[in-house]
Amino acid sequence: YRDTRSHIENIRNIRSDRDFANIVNTQFILPARGAGHF
């Protein structure tokens, strides 16, 4: 979470909400590998 937040704080541009969703999914959600149906 801290790393994902830092990334969003420092990123230069997010072109769409889908870009944001991809950032959160890639950096925060997918590393949990679906544990707890997450």
PDB file of all heavy atoms in Angstrom:
ATOM      1  N   TYR A   1       0.831  -1.205   0.000  1.00  0.00           N
ATOM      2  CA  TYR A   1       0.000   0.000   0.000  1.00  0.00           C
ATOM      3  C   TYR A   1       0.867   1.256   0.000  1.00  0.00           C
ATOM      4  O   TYR A   1       0.629   2.195  -0.774  1.00  0.00           O
ATOM      5  CB  TYR A   1      -0.923  -0.011   1.215  1.00  0.00           C
ATOM      6  CG  TYR A   1      -1.435   1.355   1.597  1.00  0.00           C
ATOM      7  CD1 TYR A   1      -2.372   2.021   0.815  1.00  0.00           C
ATOM      8  CD2 TYR A   1      -0.950   1.993   2.736  1.00  0.00           C
ATOM      9  CE1 TYR A   1      -2.824   3.290   1.154  1.00  0.00           C
ATOM     10  CE2 TYR A   1      -1.395   3.254   3.089  1.00  0.00           C
ATOM     11  CZ  TYR A   1      -2.326   3.896   2.295  1.00  0.00           C
ATOM     12  OH  TYR A   1      -2.758   5.149   2.633  1.00  0.00           O
ATOM     13  N   ARG A   2       1.872   1.285   0.856  1.00  0.00           N
ATOM     14  CA  ARG A   2       2.737   2.470   0.919  1.00  0.00           C
ATOM     15  C   ARG A   2       3.440   2.702  -0.411  1.00  0.00           C
ATOM     16  O   ARG A   2       3.540   3.839  -0.891  1.00  0.00           O
ATOM     17  CB  ARG A   2       3.750   2.316   2.058  1.00  0.00           C
ATOM     18  CG  ARG A   2       3.137   2.301   3.443  1.00  0.00           C
ATOM     19  CD  ARG A   2       4.187   2.463   4.518  1.00  0.00           C
ATOM     20  NE  ARG A   2       5.131   1.353   4.556  1.00  0.00           N
ATOM     21  CZ  ARG A   2       4.965   0.272   5.315  1.00  0.00           C
ATOM     22  NH1 ARG A   2       3.881   0.148   6.074  1.00  0.00           N
ATOM     23  NH2 ARG A   2       5.860  -0.691   5.322  1.00  0.00           N
ATOM     24  N   ASP A   3       3.924   1.612  -1.024  1.00  0.00           N
ATOM     25  CA  ASP A   3       4.627   1.750  -2.303  1.00  0.00           C
ATOM     26  C   ASP A   3       3.671   2.214  -3.407  1.00  0.00           C
ATOM     27  O   ASP A   3       4.043   3.042  -4.249  1.00  0.00           O
ATOM     28  CB  ASP A   3       5.260   0.411  -2.692  1.00  0.00           C
ATOM     29  CG  ASP A   3       6.416   0.022  -1.779  1.00  0.00           C
ATOM     30  OD1 ASP A   3       6.906   0.897  -1.040  1.00  0.00           O
ATOM     31  OD2 ASP A   3       6.809  -1.165  -1.796  1.00  0.00           O
ATOM     32  N   THR A   4       2.460   1.660  -3.432  1.00  0.00           N
ATOM     33  CA  THR A   4       1.482   2.064  -4.446  1.00  0.00           C
ATOM     34  C   THR A   4       1.092   3.521  -4.260  1.00  0.00           C
ATOM     35  O   THR A   4       0.964   4.278  -5.229  1.00  0.00           O
ATOM     36  CB  THR A   4       0.231   1.173  -4.364  1.00  0.00           C
ATOM     37  OG1 THR A   4       0.612  -0.199  -4.460  1.00  0.00           O
ATOM     38  CG2 THR A   4      -0.743   1.483  -5.492  1.00  0.00           C
ATOM     39  N   ARG A   5       0.942   3.926  -3.016  1.00  0.00           N
ATOM     40  CA  ARG A   5       0.588   5.318  -2.736  1.00  0.00           C
ATOM     41  C   ARG A   5       1.708   6.266  -3.172  1.00  0.00           C
ATOM     42  O   ARG A   5       1.455   7.331  -3.760  1.00  0.00           O
ATOM     43  CB  ARG A   5       0.310   5.486  -1.249  1.00  0.00           C
ATOM     44  CG  ARG A   5      -0.473   6.739  -0.934  1.00  0.00           C
ATOM     45  CD  ARG A   5      -0.875   6.800   0.524  1.00  0.00           C
ATOM     46  NE  ARG A   5      -2.001   7.696   0.695  1.00  0.00           N
ATOM     47  CZ  ARG A   5      -1.909   9.008   0.668  1.00  0.00           C
ATOM     48  NH1 ARG A   5      -0.738   9.586   0.489  1.00  0.00           N
ATOM     49  NH2 ARG A   5      -2.989   9.762   0.815  1.00  0.00           N
ATOM     50  N   SER A   6       2.933   5.873  -2.891  1.00  0.00           N
ATOM     51  CA  SER A   6       4.077   6.693  -3.301  1.00  0.00           C
ATOM     52  C   SER A   6       4.133   6.822  -4.818  1.00  0.00           C
ATOM     53  O   SER A   6       4.445   7.891  -5.359  1.00  0.00           O
ATOM     54  CB  SER A   6       5.364   6.077  -2.768  1.00  0.00           C
ATOM     55  OG  SER A   6       6.496   6.799  -3.209  1.00  0.00           O
ATOM     56  N   HIS A   7       3.817   5.728  -5.511  1.00  0.00           N
ATOM     57  CA  HIS A   7       3.827   5.752  -6.973  1.00  0.00           C
ATOM     58  C   HIS A   7       2.798   6.750  -7.504  1.00  0.00           C
ATOM     59  O   HIS A   7       3.100   7.547  -8.411  1.00  0.00           O
ATOM     60  CB  HIS A   7       3.532   4.353  -7.510  1.00  0.00           C
ATOM     61  CG  HIS A   7       3.495   4.268  -9.005  1.00  0.00           C
ATOM     62  ND1 HIS A   7       4.635   4.280  -9.784  1.00  0.00           N
ATOM     63  CD2 HIS A   7       2.437   4.191  -9.870  1.00  0.00           C
ATOM     64  CE1 HIS A   7       4.289   4.199 -11.065  1.00  0.00           C
ATOM     65  NE2 HIS A   7       2.955   4.139 -11.143  1.00  0.00           N
ATOM     66  N   ILE A   8       1.598   6.716  -6.946  1.00  0.00           N
ATOM     67  CA  ILE A   8       0.551   7.639  -7.402  1.00  0.00           C
ATOM     68  C   ILE A   8       0.907   9.078  -7.025  1.00  0.00           C
ATOM     69  O   ILE A   8       0.619  10.018  -7.779  1.00  0.00           O
ATOM     70  CB  ILE A   8      -0.816   7.229  -6.820  1.00  0.00           C
ATOM     71  CG1 ILE A   8      -1.225   5.858  -7.379  1.00  0.00           C
ATOM     72  CG2 ILE A   8      -1.890   8.265  -7.146  1.00  0.00           C
ATOM     73  CD1 ILE A   8      -2.467   5.291  -6.752  1.00  0.00           C
ATOM     74  N   GLU A   9       1.543   9.278  -5.891  1.00  0.00           N
ATOM     75  CA  GLU A   9       1.944  10.616  -5.477  1.00  0.00           C
ATOM     76  C   GLU A   9       2.969  11.228  -6.419  1.00  0.00           C
ATOM     77  O   GLU A   9       3.034  12.448  -6.572  1.00  0.00           O
ATOM     78  CB  GLU A   9       2.514  10.591  -4.059  1.00  0.00           C
ATOM     79  CG  GLU A   9       1.460  10.489  -2.969  1.00  0.00           C
ATOM     80  CD  GLU A   9       2.078  10.603  -1.582  1.00  0.00           C
ATOM     81  OE1 GLU A   9       3.081   9.907  -1.327  1.00  0.00           O
ATOM     82  OE2 GLU A   9       1.568  11.391  -0.767  1.00  0.00           O
ATOM     83  N   ASN A  10       3.763  10.385  -7.056  1.00  0.00           N
ATOM     84  CA  ASN A  10       4.870  10.882  -7.867  1.00  0.00           C
ATOM     85  C   ASN A  10       4.692  10.691  -9.368  1.00  0.00           C
ATOM     86  O   ASN A  10       5.519  11.182 -10.146  1.00  0.00           O
ATOM     87  CB  ASN A  10       6.185  10.207  -7.425  1.00  0.00           C
ATOM     88  CG  ASN A  10       6.581  10.583  -6.011  1.00  0.00           C
ATOM     89  OD1 ASN A  10       7.024  11.698  -5.756  1.00  0.00           O
ATOM     90  ND2 ASN A  10       6.421   9.655  -5.080  1.00  0.00           N
ATOM     91  N   ILE A  11       3.657   9.978  -9.783  1.00  0.00           N
ATOM     92  CA  ILE A  11       3.480   9.738 -11.212  1.00  0.00           C
ATOM     93  C   ILE A  11       3.131  11.045 -11.920  1.00  0.00           C
ATOM     94  O   ILE A  11       2.457  11.920 -11.369  1.00  0.00           O
ATOM     95  CB  ILE A  11       2.376   8.673 -11.441  1.00  0.00           C
ATOM     96  CG1 ILE A  11       2.436   8.137 -12.861  1.00  0.00           C
ATOM     97  CG2 ILE A  11       0.997   9.236 -11.130  1.00  0.00           C
ATOM     98  CD1 ILE A  11       1.545   6.926 -13.080  1.00  0.00           C
ATOM     99  N   ARG A  12       3.594  11.185 -13.163  1.00  0.00           N
ATOM    100  CA  ARG A  12       3.392  12.441 -13.892  1.00  0.00           C
ATOM    101  C   ARG A  12       1.998  12.546 -14.485  1.00  0.00           C
ATOM    102  O   ARG A  12       1.441  13.634 -14.597  1.00  0.00           O
ATOM    103  CB  ARG A  12       4.437  12.571 -15.005  1.00  0.00           C
ATOM    104  CG  ARG A  12       5.867  12.685 -14.490  1.00  0.00           C
ATOM    105  CD  ARG A  12       6.847  12.904 -15.624  1.00  0.00           C
ATOM    106  NE  ARG A  12       6.564  14.154 -16.362  1.00  0.00           N
ATOM    107  CZ  ARG A  12       7.248  14.549 -17.427  1.00  0.00           C
ATOM    108  NH1 ARG A  12       8.243  13.802 -17.901  1.00  0.00           N
ATOM    109  NH2 ARG A  12       6.945  15.683 -18.021  1.00  0.00           N
ATOM    110  N   ASN A  13       1.426  11.399 -14.900  1.00  0.00           N
ATOM    111  CA  ASN A  13       0.134  11.489 -15.559  1.00  0.00           C
ATOM    112  C   ASN A  13      -0.627  10.167 -15.430  1.00  0.00           C
ATOM    113  O   ASN A  13      -0.032   9.084 -15.472  1.00  0.00           O
ATOM    114  CB  ASN A  13       0.299  11.832 -17.043  1.00  0.00           C
ATOM    115  CG  ASN A  13      -1.029  12.125 -17.728  1.00  0.00           C
ATOM    116  OD1 ASN A  13      -1.964  12.590 -17.077  1.00  0.00           O
ATOM    117  ND2 ASN A  13      -1.109  11.874 -19.013  1.00  0.00           N
ATOM    118  N   ILE A  14      -1.930  10.257 -15.222  1.00  0.00           N
ATOM    119  CA  ILE A  14      -2.834   9.112 -15.303  1.00  0.00           C
ATOM    120  C   ILE A  14      -3.896   9.495 -16.329  1.00  0.00           C
ATOM    121  O   ILE A  14      -4.653  10.448 -16.134  1.00  0.00           O
ATOM    122  CB  ILE A  14      -3.481   8.801 -13.942  1.00  0.00           C
ATOM    123  CG1 ILE A  14      -2.403   8.388 -12.926  1.00  0.00           C
ATOM    124  CG2 ILE A  14      -4.503   7.670 -14.085  1.00  0.00           C
ATOM    125  CD1 ILE A  14      -2.944   8.072 -11.548  1.00  0.00           C
ATOM    126  N   ARG A  15      -3.936   8.775 -17.421  1.00  0.00           N
ATOM    127  CA  ARG A  15      -4.756   9.181 -18.559  1.00  0.00           C
ATOM    128  C   ARG A  15      -6.226   8.825 -18.399  1.00  0.00           C
ATOM    129  O   ARG A  15      -7.084   9.426 -19.042  1.00  0.00           O
ATOM    130  CB  ARG A  15      -4.212   8.536 -19.832  1.00  0.00           C
ATOM    131  CG  ARG A  15      -2.813   9.013 -20.225  1.00  0.00           C
ATOM    132  CD  ARG A  15      -2.207   8.094 -21.264  1.00  0.00           C
ATOM    133  NE  ARG A  15      -2.043   6.732 -20.733  1.00  0.00           N
ATOM    134  CZ  ARG A  15      -1.585   5.705 -21.440  1.00  0.00           C
ATOM    135  NH1 ARG A  15      -1.270   5.871 -22.707  1.00  0.00           N
ATOM    136  NH2 ARG A  15      -1.456   4.518 -20.883  1.00  0.00           N
ATOM    137  N   SER A  16      -6.540   7.832 -17.556  1.00  0.00           N
ATOM    138  CA  SER A  16      -7.931   7.411 -17.404  1.00  0.00           C
ATOM    139  C   SER A  16      -8.083   6.674 -16.083  1.00  0.00           C
ATOM    140  O   SER A  16      -7.098   6.271 -15.444  1.00  0.00           O
ATOM    141  CB  SER A  16      -8.354   6.490 -18.553  1.00  0.00           C
ATOM    142  OG  SER A  16      -7.652   5.256 -18.479  1.00  0.00           O
ATOM    143  N   ASP A  17      -9.328   6.477 -15.684  1.00  0.00           N
ATOM    144  CA  ASP A  17      -9.585   5.687 -14.481  1.00  0.00           C
ATOM    145  C   ASP A  17      -9.133   4.249 -14.662  1.00  0.00           C
ATOM    146  O   ASP A  17      -8.772   3.575 -13.687  1.00  0.00           O
ATOM    147  CB  ASP A  17     -11.080   5.730 -14.137  1.00  0.00           C
ATOM    148  CG  ASP A  17     -11.520   7.090 -13.603  1.00  0.00           C
ATOM    149  OD1 ASP A  17     -10.638   7.924 -13.327  1.00  0.00           O
ATOM    150  OD2 ASP A  17     -12.742   7.307 -13.481  1.00  0.00           O
ATOM    151  N   ARG A  18      -9.153   3.774 -15.893  1.00  0.00           N
ATOM    152  CA  ARG A  18      -8.661   2.415 -16.151  1.00  0.00           C
ATOM    153  C   ARG A  18      -7.154   2.325 -15.900  1.00  0.00           C
ATOM    154  O   ARG A  18      -6.658   1.292 -15.439  1.00  0.00           O
ATOM    155  CB  ARG A  18      -8.983   1.987 -17.579  1.00  0.00           C
ATOM    156  CG  ARG A  18     -10.479   1.753 -17.819  1.00  0.00           C
ATOM    157  CD  ARG A  18     -10.757   1.225 -19.215  1.00  0.00           C
ATOM    158  NE  ARG A  18     -12.181   0.992 -19.407  1.00  0.00           N
ATOM    159  CZ  ARG A  18     -12.797  -0.129 -19.060  1.00  0.00           C
ATOM    160  NH1 ARG A  18     -12.104  -1.126 -18.526  1.00  0.00           N
ATOM    161  NH2 ARG A  18     -14.096  -0.263 -19.262  1.00  0.00           N
ATOM    162  N   ASP A  19      -6.424   3.403 -16.201  1.00  0.00           N
ATOM    163  CA  ASP A  19      -5.003   3.429 -15.871  1.00  0.00           C
ATOM    164  C   ASP A  19      -4.801   3.293 -14.366  1.00  0.00           C
ATOM    165  O   ASP A  19      -3.930   2.542 -13.902  1.00  0.00           O
ATOM    166  CB  ASP A  19      -4.358   4.740 -16.354  1.00  0.00           C
ATOM    167  CG  ASP A  19      -4.023   4.715 -17.834  1.00  0.00           C
ATOM    168  OD1 ASP A  19      -4.229   3.654 -18.466  1.00  0.00           O
ATOM    169  OD2 ASP A  19      -3.560   5.749 -18.348  1.00  0.00           O
ATOM    170  N   PHE A  20      -5.602   4.037 -13.613  1.00  0.00           N
ATOM    171  CA  PHE A  20      -5.522   3.946 -12.154  1.00  0.00           C
ATOM    172  C   PHE A  20      -5.840   2.523 -11.694  1.00  0.00           C
ATOM    173  O   PHE A  20      -5.156   1.965 -10.829  1.00  0.00           O
ATOM    174  CB  PHE A  20      -6.494   4.937 -11.518  1.00  0.00           C
ATOM    175  CG  PHE A  20      -6.739   4.696 -10.057  1.00  0.00           C
ATOM    176  CD1 PHE A  20      -5.793   5.074  -9.110  1.00  0.00           C
ATOM    177  CD2 PHE A  20      -7.918   4.087  -9.623  1.00  0.00           C
ATOM    178  CE1 PHE A  20      -6.015   4.847  -7.754  1.00  0.00           C
ATOM    179  CE2 PHE A  20      -8.144   3.860  -8.274  1.00  0.00           C
ATOM    180  CZ  PHE A  20      -7.194   4.241  -7.340  1.00  0.00           C
ATOM    181  N   ALA A  21      -6.903   1.931 -12.261  1.00  0.00           N
ATOM    182  CA  ALA A  21      -7.273   0.568 -11.886  1.00  0.00           C
ATOM    183  C   ALA A  21      -6.135  -0.399 -12.168  1.00  0.00           C
ATOM    184  O   ALA A  21      -5.858  -1.301 -11.360  1.00  0.00           O
ATOM    185  CB  ALA A  21      -8.537   0.145 -12.638  1.00  0.00           C
ATOM    186  N   ASN A  22      -5.446  -0.215 -13.294  1.00  0.00           N
ATOM    187  CA  ASN A  22      -4.325  -1.100 -13.626  1.00  0.00           C
ATOM    188  C   ASN A  22      -3.180  -0.933 -12.639  1.00  0.00           C
ATOM    189  O   ASN A  22      -2.506  -1.910 -12.268  1.00  0.00           O
ATOM    190  CB  ASN A  22      -3.839  -0.806 -15.047  1.00  0.00           C
ATOM    191  CG  ASN A  22      -4.792  -1.333 -16.104  1.00  0.00           C
ATOM    192  OD1 ASN A  22      -5.516  -2.293 -15.877  1.00  0.00           O
ATOM    193  ND2 ASN A  22      -4.805  -0.687 -17.267  1.00  0.00           N
ATOM    194  N   ILE A  23      -2.928   0.293 -12.207  1.00  0.00           N
ATOM    195  CA  ILE A  23      -1.866   0.533 -11.221  1.00  0.00           C
ATOM    196  C   ILE A  23      -2.189  -0.192  -9.912  1.00  0.00           C
ATOM    197  O   ILE A  23      -1.353  -0.913  -9.350  1.00  0.00           O
ATOM    198  CB  ILE A  23      -1.692   2.042 -10.973  1.00  0.00           C
ATOM    199  CG1 ILE A  23      -1.116   2.728 -12.203  1.00  0.00           C
ATOM    200  CG2 ILE A  23      -0.785   2.294  -9.765  1.00  0.00           C
ATOM    201  CD1 ILE A  23      -1.115   4.246 -12.121  1.00  0.00           C
ATOM    202  N   VAL A  24      -3.405  -0.002  -9.423  1.00  0.00           N
ATOM    203  CA  VAL A  24      -3.800  -0.624  -8.162  1.00  0.00           C
ATOM    204  C   VAL A  24      -3.801  -2.149  -8.287  1.00  0.00           C
ATOM    205  O   VAL A  24      -3.332  -2.860  -7.390  1.00  0.00           O
ATOM    206  CB  VAL A  24      -5.190  -0.110  -7.730  1.00  0.00           C
ATOM    207  CG1 VAL A  24      -5.690  -0.872  -6.502  1.00  0.00           C
ATOM    208  CG2 VAL A  24      -5.137   1.380  -7.444  1.00  0.00           C
ATOM    209  N   ASN A  25      -4.303  -2.647  -9.405  1.00  0.00           N
ATOM    210  CA  ASN A  25      -4.371  -4.092  -9.592  1.00  0.00           C
ATOM    211  C   ASN A  25      -2.983  -4.711  -9.660  1.00  0.00           C
ATOM    212  O   ASN A  25      -2.699  -5.718  -9.009  1.00  0.00           O
ATOM    213  CB  ASN A  25      -5.150  -4.414 -10.870  1.00  0.00           C
ATOM    214  CG  ASN A  25      -5.616  -5.852 -10.921  1.00  0.00           C
ATOM    215  OD1 ASN A  25      -5.998  -6.435  -9.912  1.00  0.00           O
ATOM    216  ND2 ASN A  25      -5.602  -6.435 -12.102  1.00  0.00           N
ATOM    217  N   THR A  26      -2.098  -4.080 -10.414  1.00  0.00           N
ATOM    218  CA  THR A  26      -0.753  -4.637 -10.620  1.00  0.00           C
ATOM    219  C   THR A  26       0.105  -4.531  -9.369  1.00  0.00           C
ATOM    220  O   THR A  26       0.808  -5.480  -9.007  1.00  0.00           O
ATOM    221  CB  THR A  26      -0.062  -3.913 -11.789  1.00  0.00           C
ATOM    222  OG1 THR A  26      -0.851  -4.064 -12.962  1.00  0.00           O
ATOM    223  CG2 THR A  26       1.321  -4.500 -12.036  1.00  0.00           C
ATOM    224  N   GLN A  27       0.047  -3.388  -8.711  1.00  0.00           N
ATOM    225  CA  GLN A  27       0.982  -3.139  -7.615  1.00  0.00           C
ATOM    226  C   GLN A  27       0.455  -3.549  -6.245  1.00  0.00           C
ATOM    227  O   GLN A  27       1.252  -3.841  -5.343  1.00  0.00           O
ATOM    228  CB  GLN A  27       1.366  -1.659  -7.596  1.00  0.00           C
ATOM    229  CG  GLN A  27       2.070  -1.201  -8.858  1.00  0.00           C
ATOM    230  CD  GLN A  27       2.766   0.139  -8.692  1.00  0.00           C
ATOM    231  OE1 GLN A  27       3.043   0.573  -7.586  1.00  0.00           O
ATOM    232  NE2 GLN A  27       3.050   0.793  -9.800  1.00  0.00           N
ATOM    233  N   PHE A  28      -0.878  -3.577  -6.071  1.00  0.00           N
ATOM    234  CA  PHE A  28      -1.414  -3.832  -4.738  1.00  0.00           C
ATOM    235  C   PHE A  28      -2.225  -5.118  -4.643  1.00  0.00           C
ATOM    236  O   PHE A  28      -2.171  -5.809  -3.628  1.00  0.00           O
ATOM    237  CB  PHE A  28      -2.284  -2.644  -4.309  1.00  0.00           C
ATOM    238  CG  PHE A  28      -2.829  -2.755  -2.911  1.00  0.00           C
ATOM    239  CD1 PHE A  28      -1.978  -2.764  -1.815  1.00  0.00           C
ATOM    240  CD2 PHE A  28      -4.197  -2.847  -2.689  1.00  0.00           C
ATOM    241  CE1 PHE A  28      -2.480  -2.867  -0.518  1.00  0.00           C
ATOM    242  CE2 PHE A  28      -4.709  -2.953  -1.403  1.00  0.00           C
ATOM    243  CZ  PHE A  28      -3.845  -2.960  -0.314  1.00  0.00           C
ATOM    244  N   ILE A  29      -2.972  -5.461  -5.682  1.00  0.00           N
ATOM    245  CA  ILE A  29      -3.894  -6.596  -5.591  1.00  0.00           C
ATOM    246  C   ILE A  29      -3.266  -7.904  -6.070  1.00  0.00           C
ATOM    247  O   ILE A  29      -3.299  -8.921  -5.367  1.00  0.00           O
ATOM    248  CB  ILE A  29      -5.190  -6.295  -6.368  1.00  0.00           C
ATOM    249  CG1 ILE A  29      -5.917  -5.112  -5.721  1.00  0.00           C
ATOM    250  CG2 ILE A  29      -6.098  -7.520  -6.413  1.00  0.00           C
ATOM    251  CD1 ILE A  29      -7.178  -4.680  -6.451  1.00  0.00           C
ATOM    252  N   LEU A  30      -2.692  -7.911  -7.266  1.00  0.00           N
ATOM    253  CA  LEU A  30      -2.180  -9.160  -7.837  1.00  0.00           C
ATOM    254  C   LEU A  30      -1.091  -9.830  -7.008  1.00  0.00           C
ATOM    255  O   LEU A  30      -1.018 -11.069  -6.995  1.00  0.00           O
ATOM    256  CB  LEU A  30      -1.678  -8.910  -9.267  1.00  0.00           C
ATOM    257  CG  LEU A  30      -2.767  -8.630 -10.315  1.00  0.00           C
ATOM    258  CD1 LEU A  30      -2.142  -8.392 -11.684  1.00  0.00           C
ATOM    259  CD2 LEU A  30      -3.774  -9.773 -10.380  1.00  0.00           C
ATOM    260  N   PRO A  31      -0.212  -9.082  -6.307  1.00  0.00           N
ATOM    261  CA  PRO A  31       0.805  -9.776  -5.500  1.00  0.00           C
ATOM    262  C   PRO A  31       0.221 -10.693  -4.430  1.00  0.00           C
ATOM    263  O   PRO A  31       0.903 -11.616  -3.969  1.00  0.00           O
ATOM    264  CB  PRO A  31       1.596  -8.618  -4.871  1.00  0.00           C
ATOM    265  CG  PRO A  31       1.464  -7.506  -5.849  1.00  0.00           C
ATOM    266  CD  PRO A  31       0.058  -7.625  -6.374  1.00  0.00           C
ATOM    267  N   ALA A  32      -1.032 -10.475  -4.023  1.00  0.00           N
ATOM    268  CA  ALA A  32      -1.664 -11.346  -3.024  1.00  0.00           C
ATOM    269  C   ALA A  32      -2.134 -12.660  -3.629  1.00  0.00           C
ATOM    270  O   ALA A  32      -2.566 -13.558  -2.906  1.00  0.00           O
ATOM    271  CB  ALA A  32      -2.838 -10.628  -2.367  1.00  0.00           C
ATOM    272  N   ARG A  33      -2.088 -12.779  -4.956  1.00  0.00           N
ATOM    273  CA  ARG A  33      -2.383 -14.011  -5.691  1.00  0.00           C
ATOM    274  C   ARG A  33      -3.767 -14.577  -5.376  1.00  0.00           C
ATOM    275  O   ARG A  33      -3.964 -15.797  -5.301  1.00  0.00           O
ATOM    276  CB  ARG A  33      -1.322 -15.068  -5.426  1.00  0.00           C
ATOM    277  CG  ARG A  33       0.069 -14.678  -5.859  1.00  0.00           C
ATOM    278  CD  ARG A  33       1.057 -15.793  -5.597  1.00  0.00           C
ATOM    279  NE  ARG A  33       2.303 -15.299  -5.061  1.00  0.00           N
ATOM    280  CZ  ARG A  33       3.254 -16.064  -4.541  1.00  0.00           C
ATOM    281  NH1 ARG A  33       3.079 -17.372  -4.483  1.00  0.00           N
ATOM    282  NH2 ARG A  33       4.362 -15.545  -4.060  1.00  0.00           N
ATOM    283  N   GLY A  34      -4.720 -13.705  -5.160  1.00  0.00           N
ATOM    284  CA  GLY A  34      -6.089 -14.152  -4.971  1.00  0.00           C
ATOM    285  C   GLY A  34      -6.402 -14.717  -3.607  1.00  0.00           C
ATOM    286  O   GLY A  34      -7.504 -15.243  -3.393  1.00  0.00           O
ATOM    287  N   ALA A  35      -5.468 -14.629  -2.669  1.00  0.00           N
ATOM    288  CA  ALA A  35      -5.729 -15.144  -1.325  1.00  0.00           C
ATOM    289  C   ALA A  35      -6.941 -14.431  -0.739  1.00  0.00           C
ATOM    290  O   ALA A  35      -7.101 -13.227  -0.864  1.00  0.00           O
ATOM    291  CB  ALA A  35      -4.509 -14.927  -0.431  1.00  0.00           C
ATOM    292  N   GLY A  36      -7.798 -15.192  -0.094  1.00  0.00           N
ATOM    293  CA  GLY A  36      -9.005 -14.614   0.476  1.00  0.00           C
ATOM    294  C   GLY A  36      -9.936 -14.048  -0.571  1.00  0.00           C
ATOM    295  O   GLY A  36     -10.686 -13.111  -0.292  1.00  0.00           O
ATOM    296  N   HIS A  37      -9.920 -14.617  -1.776  1.00  0.00           N
ATOM    297  CA  HIS A  37     -10.756 -14.147  -2.889  1.00  0.00           C
ATOM    298  C   HIS A  37     -10.541 -12.658  -3.171  1.00  0.00           C
ATOM    299  O   HIS A  37     -11.443 -11.973  -3.653  1.00  0.00           O
ATOM    300  CB  HIS A  37     -12.240 -14.398  -2.603  1.00  0.00           C
ATOM    301  CG  HIS A  37     -12.663 -15.828  -2.788  1.00  0.00           C
ATOM    302  ND1 HIS A  37     -12.386 -16.802  -1.867  1.00  0.00           N
ATOM    303  CD2 HIS A  37     -13.346 -16.444  -3.793  1.00  0.00           C
ATOM    304  CE1 HIS A  37     -12.885 -17.960  -2.278  1.00  0.00           C
ATOM    305  NE2 HIS A  37     -13.460 -17.775  -3.454  1.00  0.00           N
ATOM    306  N   PHE A  38      -9.358 -12.151  -2.894  1.00  0.00           N
ATOM    307  CA  PHE A  38      -9.062 -10.733  -3.091  1.00  0.00           C
ATOM    308  C   PHE A  38      -8.675 -10.494  -4.538  1.00  0.00           C
ATOM    309  O   PHE A  38      -7.620 -10.923  -4.994  1.00  0.00           O
ATOM    310  CB  PHE A  38      -7.918 -10.323  -2.153  1.00  0.00           C
ATOM    311  CG  PHE A  38      -7.499  -8.881  -2.267  1.00  0.00           C
ATOM    312  CD1 PHE A  38      -8.440  -7.868  -2.391  1.00  0.00           C
ATOM    313  CD2 PHE A  38      -6.163  -8.529  -2.218  1.00  0.00           C
ATOM    314  CE1 PHE A  38      -8.050  -6.539  -2.483  1.00  0.00           C
ATOM    315  CE2 PHE A  38      -5.765  -7.212  -2.303  1.00  0.00           C
ATOM    316  CZ  PHE A  38      -6.713  -6.215  -2.436  1.00  0.00           C
TER     317      PHE A  38
END
